[in-house]
Amino acid sequence: MNIKKGDTVYIRRGKDRGKTGKVLYVFTKSNRVIVEGINLISRHSRPSQTNPKGGIIKKEAPIHRSNVAFYSKTISAATKISYKVIDEGGKRTKIRICRKTGEQI
């Protein structure tokens, strides 16, 4: 999966189309991500020791990874990610590269 925790992403589809946010969590098996402040749902909770009043809590729901794109802050636009393998003294490392600018992510 190209998107990782901590990346800034652009929302391409859904009710929050056009917004950007930071990835909080990635579900690799189901190809979904949770983005900060995006796709909020209302969750009704009972009173408990941690939340004595209970009530309605707003929280983020997962979004499929096909509905988000990596957001490059340098060009302020959504872009694709490519990979490049570099040999450093016999050690091979794989790095992520922004396709529009060519810079390392």
Protein backbone atom coordinates (compact mmCIF):
# COMPACT_ATOMS: atom_id res chain seq x y z
CA MET A 1 0.00 0.00 0.00
CA ASN A 2 1.39 3.42 -0.99
CA ILE A 3 -0.26 5.39 1.81
CA LYS A 4 1.37 5.21 5.23
CA LYS A 5 0.62 6.51 8.71
CA GLY A 6 1.49 10.20 9.00
CA ASP A 7 1.04 10.99 5.29
CA THR A 8 -1.14 13.90 4.22
CA VAL A 9 -3.83 12.73 1.79
CA TYR A 10 -6.36 14.38 -0.51
CA ILE A 11 -9.93 12.98 -0.44
CA ARG A 12 -11.02 12.15 -4.01
CA ARG A 13 -14.49 10.68 -3.42
CA GLY A 14 -17.30 10.81 -0.87
CA LYS A 15 -18.96 13.45 1.24
CA ASP A 16 -15.61 15.06 2.18
CA ARG A 17 -14.33 15.36 -1.42
CA GLY A 18 -11.66 18.03 -1.85
CA LYS A 19 -10.46 18.07 1.77
CA THR A 20 -7.04 17.07 3.03
CA GLY A 21 -6.04 15.36 6.25
CA LYS A 22 -3.39 13.34 8.06
CA VAL A 23 -3.55 9.52 8.07
CA LEU A 24 -3.99 8.23 11.62
CA TYR A 25 -4.20 4.49 10.98
CA VAL A 26 -3.86 2.08 8.04
CA PHE A 27 -5.75 -1.23 7.75
CA THR A 28 -3.58 -3.18 5.28
CA LYS A 29 -5.80 -6.28 4.98
CA SER A 30 -8.98 -4.38 4.14
CA ASN A 31 -7.19 -1.56 2.21
CA ARG A 32 -8.72 1.18 4.34
CA VAL A 33 -7.34 4.25 6.10
CA ILE A 34 -8.54 6.50 8.90
CA VAL A 35 -7.96 10.19 8.17
CA GLU A 36 -8.01 12.86 10.87
CA GLY A 37 -11.26 14.90 10.80
CA ILE A 38 -12.63 13.14 7.68
CA ASN A 39 -15.66 10.82 7.33
CA LEU A 40 -17.00 11.57 10.81
CA ILE A 41 -19.76 9.37 12.21
CA SER A 42 -21.92 9.77 15.31
CA ARG A 43 -21.45 7.06 17.92
CA HIS A 44 -23.93 6.74 20.80
CA SER A 45 -22.23 5.72 24.04
CA ARG A 46 -23.56 4.63 27.39
CA PRO A 47 -22.42 6.32 30.59
CA SER A 48 -19.21 4.77 31.93
CA GLN A 49 -16.44 5.68 34.36
CA THR A 50 -14.39 7.32 31.62
CA ASN A 51 -17.44 9.13 30.16
CA PRO A 52 -19.94 9.57 33.04
CA LYS A 53 -22.53 11.47 30.98
CA GLY A 54 -22.51 9.23 27.91
CA GLY A 55 -24.07 10.81 24.85
CA ILE A 56 -23.17 11.18 21.19
CA ILE A 57 -19.49 11.07 20.23
CA LYS A 58 -18.13 12.06 16.80
CA LYS A 59 -15.33 9.82 15.48
CA GLU A 60 -13.56 9.03 12.20
CA ALA A 61 -14.62 6.02 10.13
CA PRO A 62 -12.34 4.17 7.68
CA ILE A 63 -12.18 5.15 3.98
CA HIS A 64 -11.08 2.85 1.17
CA ARG A 65 -7.58 3.65 -0.08
CA SER A 66 -8.79 4.09 -3.66
CA ASN A 67 -10.71 7.17 -2.52
CA VAL A 68 -7.62 9.01 -1.25
CA ALA A 69 -4.46 10.25 -2.99
CA PHE A 70 -1.11 11.33 -1.57
CA TYR A 71 -0.99 15.13 -1.15
CA SER A 72 2.32 16.89 -1.83
CA LYS A 73 2.70 20.06 0.22
CA THR A 74 5.42 21.46 -2.04
CA ILE A 75 3.15 21.68 -5.10
CA SER A 76 -0.15 21.75 -3.15
CA ALA A 77 -1.71 19.01 -5.26
CA ALA A 78 -2.54 15.32 -5.19
CA THR A 79 0.02 13.08 -6.84
CA LYS A 80 0.95 9.44 -7.33
CA ILE A 81 3.79 7.65 -5.57
CA SER A 82 6.45 5.55 -7.26
CA TYR A 83 9.25 3.48 -5.79
CA LYS A 84 12.96 3.38 -6.54
CA VAL A 85 15.55 0.84 -5.40
CA ILE A 86 18.93 2.30 -4.41
CA ASP A 87 22.15 0.33 -3.86
CA GLU A 88 24.22 1.72 -0.99
CA GLY A 89 27.36 -0.30 -0.32
CA GLY A 90 25.76 -3.64 -1.18
CA LYS A 91 22.58 -2.79 0.72
CA ARG A 92 19.40 -2.31 -1.30
CA THR A 93 16.82 0.16 0.00
CA LYS A 94 13.44 1.01 -1.44
CA ILE A 95 12.39 4.68 -1.28
CA ARG A 96 9.13 6.45 -2.13
CA ILE A 97 9.22 9.20 -4.76
CA CYS A 98 6.64 11.86 -5.67
CA ARG A 99 5.86 11.41 -9.37
CA LYS A 100 5.15 15.07 -10.18
CA THR A 101 8.20 16.59 -8.48
CA GLY A 102 10.60 13.63 -8.37
CA GLU A 103 11.53 14.33 -4.76
CA GLN A 104 11.88 11.69 -2.06
CA ILE A 105 9.01 11.37 0.40
